[in-house]
PDB file of all heavy atoms in Angstrom:
ATOM      1  N   GLY A   1      -8.453  -6.457  10.687  1.00  0.00           N
ATOM      2  CA  GLY A   1      -9.197  -5.487  11.393  1.00  0.00           C
ATOM      3  C   GLY A   1      -8.948  -4.094  10.909  1.00  0.00           C
ATOM      4  O   GLY A   1      -8.227  -3.783   9.960  1.00  0.00           O
ATOM      5  N   ALA A   2      -9.673  -3.127  11.592  1.00  0.00           N
ATOM      6  CA  ALA A   2      -9.611  -1.750  11.147  1.00  0.00           C
ATOM      7  C   ALA A   2      -8.162  -1.125  11.140  1.00  0.00           C
ATOM      8  O   ALA A   2      -7.806  -0.369  10.240  1.00  0.00           O
ATOM      9  CB  ALA A   2     -10.544  -0.881  12.033  1.00  0.00           C
ATOM     10  N   ARG A   3      -7.396  -1.496  12.150  1.00  0.00           N
ATOM     11  CA  ARG A   3      -6.044  -0.977  12.215  1.00  0.00           C
ATOM     12  C   ARG A   3      -5.184  -1.531  11.116  1.00  0.00           C
ATOM     13  O   ARG A   3      -4.390  -0.815  10.490  1.00  0.00           O
ATOM     14  CB  ARG A   3      -5.442  -1.319  13.626  1.00  0.00           C
ATOM     15  CG  ARG A   3      -3.995  -0.878  13.826  1.00  0.00           C
ATOM     16  CD  ARG A   3      -3.848   0.627  13.791  1.00  0.00           C
ATOM     17  NE  ARG A   3      -3.099   1.108  12.637  1.00  0.00           N
ATOM     18  CZ  ARG A   3      -2.655   2.319  12.496  1.00  0.00           C
ATOM     19  NH1 ARG A   3      -2.970   3.251  13.413  1.00  0.00           N
ATOM     20  NH2 ARG A   3      -1.970   2.680  11.404  1.00  0.00           N
ATOM     21  N   GLU A   4      -5.346  -2.849  10.827  1.00  0.00           N
ATOM     22  CA  GLU A   4      -4.583  -3.462   9.748  1.00  0.00           C
ATOM     23  C   GLU A   4      -5.013  -2.821   8.399  1.00  0.00           C
ATOM     24  O   GLU A   4      -4.181  -2.618   7.562  1.00  0.00           O
ATOM     25  CB  GLU A   4      -4.793  -4.924   9.744  1.00  0.00           C
ATOM     26  CG  GLU A   4      -3.965  -5.666   8.638  1.00  0.00           C
ATOM     27  CD  GLU A   4      -4.098  -7.178   8.714  1.00  0.00           C
ATOM     28  OE1 GLU A   4      -3.688  -7.740   9.756  1.00  0.00           O
ATOM     29  OE2 GLU A   4      -4.697  -7.752   7.766  1.00  0.00           O
ATOM     30  N   GLN A   5      -6.260  -2.556   8.232  1.00  0.00           N
ATOM     31  CA  GLN A   5      -6.735  -1.928   7.007  1.00  0.00           C
ATOM     32  C   GLN A   5      -6.140  -0.529   6.818  1.00  0.00           C
ATOM     33  O   GLN A   5      -5.790  -0.146   5.774  1.00  0.00           O
ATOM     34  CB  GLN A   5      -8.257  -1.911   6.959  1.00  0.00           C
ATOM     35  CG  GLN A   5      -8.874  -3.307   6.811  1.00  0.00           C
ATOM     36  CD  GLN A   5     -10.394  -3.245   6.864  1.00  0.00           C
ATOM     37  OE1 GLN A   5     -10.965  -2.420   6.244  1.00  0.00           O
ATOM     38  NE2 GLN A   5     -11.002  -4.129   7.662  1.00  0.00           N
ATOM     39  N   LEU A   6      -6.052   0.149   7.969  1.00  0.00           N
ATOM     40  CA  LEU A   6      -5.456   1.517   7.888  1.00  0.00           C
ATOM     41  C   LEU A   6      -3.929   1.367   7.560  1.00  0.00           C
ATOM     42  O   LEU A   6      -3.379   2.175   6.833  1.00  0.00           O
ATOM     43  CB  LEU A   6      -5.612   2.214   9.285  1.00  0.00           C
ATOM     44  CG  LEU A   6      -4.999   3.615   9.394  1.00  0.00           C
ATOM     45  CD1 LEU A   6      -5.534   4.601   8.311  1.00  0.00           C
ATOM     46  CD2 LEU A   6      -5.220   4.228  10.792  1.00  0.00           C
ATOM     47  N   ASP A   7      -3.264   0.375   8.150  1.00  0.00           N
ATOM     48  CA  ASP A   7      -1.889   0.074   7.808  1.00  0.00           C
ATOM     49  C   ASP A   7      -1.697  -0.039   6.293  1.00  0.00           C
ATOM     50  O   ASP A   7      -0.765   0.536   5.713  1.00  0.00           O
ATOM     51  CB  ASP A   7      -1.366  -1.180   8.479  1.00  0.00           C
ATOM     52  CG  ASP A   7      -1.159  -1.003   9.975  1.00  0.00           C
ATOM     53  OD1 ASP A   7      -1.165   0.145  10.505  1.00  0.00           O
ATOM     54  OD2 ASP A   7      -1.017  -2.027  10.687  1.00  0.00           O
ATOM     55  N   THR A   8      -2.582  -0.800   5.673  1.00  0.00           N
ATOM     56  CA  THR A   8      -2.495  -1.049   4.243  1.00  0.00           C
ATOM     57  C   THR A   8      -2.547   0.303   3.500  1.00  0.00           C
ATOM     58  O   THR A   8      -1.735   0.549   2.568  1.00  0.00           O
ATOM     59  CB  THR A   8      -3.616  -1.952   3.756  1.00  0.00           C
ATOM     60  OG1 THR A   8      -3.560  -3.216   4.431  1.00  0.00           O
ATOM     61  CG2 THR A   8      -3.525  -2.168   2.287  1.00  0.00           C
ATOM     62  N   ARG A   9      -3.422   1.165   3.891  1.00  0.00           N
ATOM     63  CA  ARG A   9      -3.540   2.448   3.205  1.00  0.00           C
ATOM     64  C   ARG A   9      -2.286   3.274   3.410  1.00  0.00           C
ATOM     65  O   ARG A   9      -1.874   4.002   2.552  1.00  0.00           O
ATOM     66  CB  ARG A   9      -4.784   3.133   3.709  1.00  0.00           C
ATOM     67  CG  ARG A   9      -6.143   2.471   3.236  1.00  0.00           C
ATOM     68  CD  ARG A   9      -7.338   3.003   3.861  1.00  0.00           C
ATOM     69  NE  ARG A   9      -8.522   2.389   3.349  1.00  0.00           N
ATOM     70  CZ  ARG A   9      -9.248   2.848   2.300  1.00  0.00           C
ATOM     71  NH1 ARG A   9      -8.924   3.996   1.770  1.00  0.00           N
ATOM     72  NH2 ARG A   9     -10.313   2.167   1.852  1.00  0.00           N
ATOM     73  N   GLU A  10      -1.752   3.217   4.649  1.00  0.00           N
ATOM     74  CA  GLU A  10      -0.560   3.967   4.956  1.00  0.00           C
ATOM     75  C   GLU A  10       0.630   3.428   4.200  1.00  0.00           C
ATOM     76  O   GLU A  10       1.524   4.229   3.776  1.00  0.00           O
ATOM     77  CB  GLU A  10      -0.301   3.996   6.456  1.00  0.00           C
ATOM     78  CG  GLU A  10      -1.409   4.806   7.197  1.00  0.00           C
ATOM     79  CD  GLU A  10      -1.152   4.913   8.708  1.00  0.00           C
ATOM     80  OE1 GLU A  10      -0.162   4.319   9.215  1.00  0.00           O
ATOM     81  OE2 GLU A  10      -1.905   5.607   9.360  1.00  0.00           O
ATOM     82  N   VAL A  11       0.730   2.132   4.020  1.00  0.00           N
ATOM     83  CA  VAL A  11       1.853   1.544   3.197  1.00  0.00           C
ATOM     84  C   VAL A  11       1.690   2.015   1.778  1.00  0.00           C
ATOM     85  O   VAL A  11       2.720   2.376   1.097  1.00  0.00           O
ATOM     86  CB  VAL A  11       1.928   0.069   3.305  1.00  0.00           C
ATOM     87  CG1 VAL A  11       2.864  -0.532   2.313  1.00  0.00           C
ATOM     88  CG2 VAL A  11       2.285  -0.370   4.728  1.00  0.00           C
ATOM     89  N   ILE A  12       0.496   2.002   1.201  1.00  0.00           N
ATOM     90  CA  ILE A  12       0.223   2.566  -0.137  1.00  0.00           C
ATOM     91  C   ILE A  12       0.697   3.997  -0.235  1.00  0.00           C
ATOM     92  O   ILE A  12       1.382   4.354  -1.184  1.00  0.00           O
ATOM     93  CB  ILE A  12      -1.216   2.370  -0.536  1.00  0.00           C
ATOM     94  CG1 ILE A  12      -1.600   0.909  -0.679  1.00  0.00           C
ATOM     95  CG2 ILE A  12      -1.577   3.133  -1.785  1.00  0.00           C
ATOM     96  CD1 ILE A  12      -3.096   0.682  -0.783  1.00  0.00           C
ATOM     97  N   GLY A  13       0.328   4.817   0.752  1.00  0.00           N
ATOM     98  CA  GLY A  13       0.742   6.225   0.744  1.00  0.00           C
ATOM     99  C   GLY A  13       2.251   6.344   0.771  1.00  0.00           C
ATOM    100  O   GLY A  13       2.839   7.222   0.078  1.00  0.00           O
ATOM    101  N   TRP A  14       2.884   5.562   1.715  1.00  0.00           N
ATOM    102  CA  TRP A  14       4.308   5.612   1.790  1.00  0.00           C
ATOM    103  C   TRP A  14       4.989   5.255   0.488  1.00  0.00           C
ATOM    104  O   TRP A  14       5.927   5.914   0.026  1.00  0.00           O
ATOM    105  CB  TRP A  14       4.761   4.625   2.889  1.00  0.00           C
ATOM    106  CG  TRP A  14       6.284   4.539   3.021  1.00  0.00           C
ATOM    107  CD1 TRP A  14       7.062   5.294   3.815  1.00  0.00           C
ATOM    108  CD2 TRP A  14       7.096   3.569   2.416  1.00  0.00           C
ATOM    109  NE1 TRP A  14       8.351   4.865   3.652  1.00  0.00           N
ATOM    110  CE2 TRP A  14       8.436   3.782   2.814  1.00  0.00           C
ATOM    111  CE3 TRP A  14       6.874   2.488   1.543  1.00  0.00           C
ATOM    112  CZ2 TRP A  14       9.543   3.039   2.373  1.00  0.00           C
ATOM    113  CZ3 TRP A  14       7.911   1.744   1.058  1.00  0.00           C
ATOM    114  CH2 TRP A  14       9.246   1.988   1.507  1.00  0.00           C
ATOM    115  N   ALA A  15       4.553   4.145  -0.176  1.00  0.00           N
ATOM    116  CA  ALA A  15       5.135   3.715  -1.430  1.00  0.00           C
ATOM    117  C   ALA A  15       4.978   4.777  -2.536  1.00  0.00           C
ATOM    118  O   ALA A  15       5.901   5.040  -3.286  1.00  0.00           O
ATOM    119  CB  ALA A  15       4.480   2.374  -1.872  1.00  0.00           C
ATOM    120  N   ALA A  16       3.797   5.390  -2.572  1.00  0.00           N
ATOM    121  CA  ALA A  16       3.553   6.405  -3.637  1.00  0.00           C
ATOM    122  C   ALA A  16       4.390   7.618  -3.463  1.00  0.00           C
ATOM    123  O   ALA A  16       4.729   8.298  -4.425  1.00  0.00           O
ATOM    124  CB  ALA A  16       2.051   6.789  -3.584  1.00  0.00           C
ATOM    125  N   ALA A  17       4.866   7.940  -2.203  1.00  0.00           N
ATOM    126  CA  ALA A  17       5.580   9.124  -1.939  1.00  0.00           C
ATOM    127  C   ALA A  17       7.102   8.960  -2.081  1.00  0.00           C
ATOM    128  O   ALA A  17       7.816   9.941  -2.048  1.00  0.00           O
ATOM    129  CB  ALA A  17       5.267   9.606  -0.498  1.00  0.00           C
ATOM    130  N   GLN A  18       7.575   7.728  -2.333  1.00  0.00           N
ATOM    131  CA  GLN A  18       9.048   7.520  -2.458  1.00  0.00           C
ATOM    132  C   GLN A  18       9.550   8.048  -3.779  1.00  0.00           C
ATOM    133  O   GLN A  18       8.841   8.086  -4.760  1.00  0.00           O
ATOM    134  CB  GLN A  18       9.318   6.030  -2.287  1.00  0.00           C
ATOM    135  CG  GLN A  18       8.930   5.404  -1.000  1.00  0.00           C
ATOM    136  CD  GLN A  18       9.445   6.140   0.204  1.00  0.00           C
ATOM    137  OE1 GLN A  18      10.639   6.277   0.380  1.00  0.00           O
ATOM    138  NE2 GLN A  18       8.541   6.693   1.051  1.00  0.00           N
ATOM    139  N   ARG A  19      10.803   8.394  -3.754  1.00  0.00           N
ATOM    140  CA  ARG A  19      11.427   9.008  -4.996  1.00  0.00           C
ATOM    141  C   ARG A  19      11.473   8.059  -6.105  1.00  0.00           C
ATOM    142  O   ARG A  19      11.452   8.475  -7.330  1.00  0.00           O
ATOM    143  CB  ARG A  19      12.879   9.486  -4.654  1.00  0.00           C
ATOM    144  CG  ARG A  19      13.755   8.388  -4.186  1.00  0.00           C
ATOM    145  CD  ARG A  19      15.185   8.876  -3.898  1.00  0.00           C
ATOM    146  NE  ARG A  19      16.022   7.780  -3.314  1.00  0.00           N
ATOM    147  CZ  ARG A  19      16.527   6.797  -3.983  1.00  0.00           C
ATOM    148  NH1 ARG A  19      16.318   6.709  -5.243  1.00  0.00           N
ATOM    149  NH2 ARG A  19      17.224   5.854  -3.394  1.00  0.00           N
ATOM    150  N   TRP A  20      11.450   6.720  -5.852  1.00  0.00           N
ATOM    151  CA  TRP A  20      11.484   5.743  -6.925  1.00  0.00           C
ATOM    152  C   TRP A  20      10.131   5.361  -7.460  1.00  0.00           C
ATOM    153  O   TRP A  20       9.966   4.471  -8.225  1.00  0.00           O
ATOM    154  CB  TRP A  20      12.242   4.457  -6.449  1.00  0.00           C
ATOM    155  CG  TRP A  20      12.097   4.068  -5.020  1.00  0.00           C
ATOM    156  CD1 TRP A  20      13.066   4.178  -4.036  1.00  0.00           C
ATOM    157  CD2 TRP A  20      10.936   3.443  -4.413  1.00  0.00           C
ATOM    158  NE1 TRP A  20      12.575   3.655  -2.864  1.00  0.00           N
ATOM    159  CE2 TRP A  20      11.304   3.189  -3.088  1.00  0.00           C
ATOM    160  CE3 TRP A  20       9.668   3.032  -4.863  1.00  0.00           C
ATOM    161  CZ2 TRP A  20      10.413   2.607  -2.168  1.00  0.00           C
ATOM    162  CZ3 TRP A  20       8.822   2.506  -4.008  1.00  0.00           C
ATOM    163  CH2 TRP A  20       9.186   2.285  -2.655  1.00  0.00           C
ATOM    164  N   SER A  21       9.072   6.073  -6.962  1.00  0.00           N
ATOM    165  CA  SER A  21       7.662   5.748  -7.379  1.00  0.00           C
ATOM    166  C   SER A  21       7.142   6.840  -8.238  1.00  0.00           C
ATOM    167  O   SER A  21       7.307   8.081  -7.919  1.00  0.00           O
ATOM    168  CB  SER A  21       6.877   5.502  -6.155  1.00  0.00           C
ATOM    169  OG  SER A  21       5.490   5.269  -6.524  1.00  0.00           O
ATOM    170  N   THR A  22       6.315   6.493  -9.248  1.00  0.00           N
ATOM    171  CA  THR A  22       5.595   7.490  -9.993  1.00  0.00           C
ATOM    172  C   THR A  22       4.391   8.024  -9.269  1.00  0.00           C
ATOM    173  O   THR A  22       3.692   8.932  -9.682  1.00  0.00           O
ATOM    174  CB  THR A  22       5.116   6.846 -11.406  1.00  0.00           C
ATOM    175  OG1 THR A  22       4.240   5.782 -11.067  1.00  0.00           O
ATOM    176  CG2 THR A  22       6.249   6.383 -12.164  1.00  0.00           C
ATOM    177  N   GLY A  23       4.053   7.365  -8.178  1.00  0.00           N
ATOM    178  CA  GLY A  23       2.862   7.721  -7.428  1.00  0.00           C
ATOM    179  C   GLY A  23       1.699   6.907  -7.799  1.00  0.00           C
ATOM    180  O   GLY A  23       0.618   6.965  -7.156  1.00  0.00           O
ATOM    181  N   LYS A  24       1.867   5.999  -8.795  1.00  0.00           N
ATOM    182  CA  LYS A  24       0.805   5.125  -9.163  1.00  0.00           C
ATOM    183  C   LYS A  24       1.075   3.743  -8.541  1.00  0.00           C
ATOM    184  O   LYS A  24       2.226   3.133  -8.803  1.00  0.00           O
ATOM    185  CB  LYS A  24       0.754   4.915 -10.701  1.00  0.00           C
ATOM    186  CG  LYS A  24       0.219   6.156 -11.432  1.00  0.00           C
ATOM    187  CD  LYS A  24       0.056   5.918 -12.927  1.00  0.00           C
ATOM    188  CE  LYS A  24      -0.525   7.094 -13.612  1.00  0.00           C
ATOM    189  NZ  LYS A  24      -0.724   6.824 -15.065  1.00  0.00           N
ATOM    190  N   VAL A  25       0.174   3.173  -7.818  1.00  0.00           N
ATOM    191  CA  VAL A  25       0.365   1.942  -7.011  1.00  0.00           C
ATOM    192  C   VAL A  25      -0.680   0.886  -7.409  1.00  0.00           C
ATOM    193  O   VAL A  25      -1.853   1.195  -7.567  1.00  0.00           O
ATOM    194  CB  VAL A  25       0.265   2.221  -5.476  1.00  0.00           C
ATOM    195  CG1 VAL A  25       0.337   0.919  -4.711  1.00  0.00           C
ATOM    196  CG2 VAL A  25       1.351   3.237  -5.082  1.00  0.00           C
ATOM    197  N   GLY A  26      -0.186  -0.358  -7.565  1.00  0.00           N
ATOM    198  CA  GLY A  26      -1.052  -1.496  -7.746  1.00  0.00           C
ATOM    199  C   GLY A  26      -0.843  -2.420  -6.544  1.00  0.00           C
ATOM    200  O   GLY A  26       0.124  -2.257  -5.819  1.00  0.00           O
ATOM    201  N   MET A  27      -1.673  -3.374  -6.424  1.00  0.00           N
ATOM    202  CA  MET A  27      -1.523  -4.380  -5.359  1.00  0.00           C
ATOM    203  C   MET A  27      -1.594  -5.797  -5.944  1.00  0.00           C
ATOM    204  O   MET A  27      -2.350  -6.048  -6.835  1.00  0.00           O
ATOM    205  CB  MET A  27      -2.552  -4.233  -4.220  1.00  0.00           C
ATOM    206  CG  MET A  27      -2.411  -2.909  -3.465  1.00  0.00           C
ATOM    207  SD  MET A  27      -3.536  -2.929  -2.034  1.00  0.00           S
ATOM    208  CE  MET A  27      -2.697  -4.077  -0.918  1.00  0.00           C
ATOM    209  N   SER A  28      -0.790  -6.719  -5.400  1.00  0.00           N
ATOM    210  CA  SER A  28      -0.706  -8.136  -5.809  1.00  0.00           C
ATOM    211  C   SER A  28      -0.710  -9.027  -4.617  1.00  0.00           C
ATOM    212  O   SER A  28      -0.694  -8.579  -3.459  1.00  0.00           O
ATOM    213  CB  SER A  28       0.506  -8.347  -6.695  1.00  0.00           C
ATOM    214  OG  SER A  28       1.659  -8.355  -5.865  1.00  0.00           O
ATOM    215  N   GLY A  29      -0.853 -10.300  -4.880  1.00  0.00           N
ATOM    216  CA  GLY A  29      -0.818 -11.377  -3.868  1.00  0.00           C
ATOM    217  C   GLY A  29      -2.071 -12.165  -3.767  1.00  0.00           C
ATOM    218  O   GLY A  29      -3.132 -11.797  -4.338  1.00  0.00           O
ATOM    219  N   GLY A  30      -1.983 -13.324  -3.142  1.00  0.00           N
ATOM    220  CA  GLY A  30      -3.099 -14.253  -3.051  1.00  0.00           C
ATOM    221  C   GLY A  30      -3.627 -14.459  -1.629  1.00  0.00           C
ATOM    222  O   GLY A  30      -2.888 -14.213  -0.724  1.00  0.00           O
ATOM    223  N   SER A  31      -4.795 -14.976  -1.567  1.00  0.00           N
ATOM    224  CA  SER A  31      -5.407 -15.394  -0.334  1.00  0.00           C
ATOM    225  C   SER A  31      -5.573 -14.191   0.634  1.00  0.00           C
ATOM    226  O   SER A  31      -6.261 -13.232   0.348  1.00  0.00           O
ATOM    227  CB  SER A  31      -4.623 -16.494   0.315  1.00  0.00           C
ATOM    228  OG  SER A  31      -5.284 -17.152   1.325  1.00  0.00           O
ATOM    229  N   TYR A  32      -4.859 -14.294   1.780  1.00  0.00           N
ATOM    230  CA  TYR A  32      -4.920 -13.141   2.713  1.00  0.00           C
ATOM    231  C   TYR A  32      -4.553 -11.818   2.070  1.00  0.00           C
ATOM    232  O   TYR A  32      -5.198 -10.807   2.285  1.00  0.00           O
ATOM    233  CB  TYR A  32      -4.020 -13.432   3.898  1.00  0.00           C
ATOM    234  CG  TYR A  32      -4.275 -12.595   5.138  1.00  0.00           C
ATOM    235  CD1 TYR A  32      -4.972 -13.127   6.261  1.00  0.00           C
ATOM    236  CD2 TYR A  32      -3.759 -11.316   5.264  1.00  0.00           C
ATOM    237  CE1 TYR A  32      -5.125 -12.348   7.409  1.00  0.00           C
ATOM    238  CE2 TYR A  32      -3.934 -10.566   6.404  1.00  0.00           C
ATOM    239  CZ  TYR A  32      -4.658 -11.054   7.465  1.00  0.00           C
ATOM    240  OH  TYR A  32      -4.803 -10.271   8.648  1.00  0.00           O
ATOM    241  N   ALA A  33      -3.476 -11.842   1.290  1.00  0.00           N
ATOM    242  CA  ALA A  33      -3.008 -10.662   0.608  1.00  0.00           C
ATOM    243  C   ALA A  33      -4.058 -10.194  -0.401  1.00  0.00           C
ATOM    244  O   ALA A  33      -4.136  -9.014  -0.766  1.00  0.00           O
ATOM    245  CB  ALA A  33      -1.649 -10.923  -0.103  1.00  0.00           C
TER     246      ALA A  33
END
């Protein structure tokens, strides 16, 4: 749903902002993911 899709974007933003990240994010996984 819309809230889950927003969560995905927020997790991407969180990951990109961490000190161990270059700010470039990819996504992986199968089926639902």
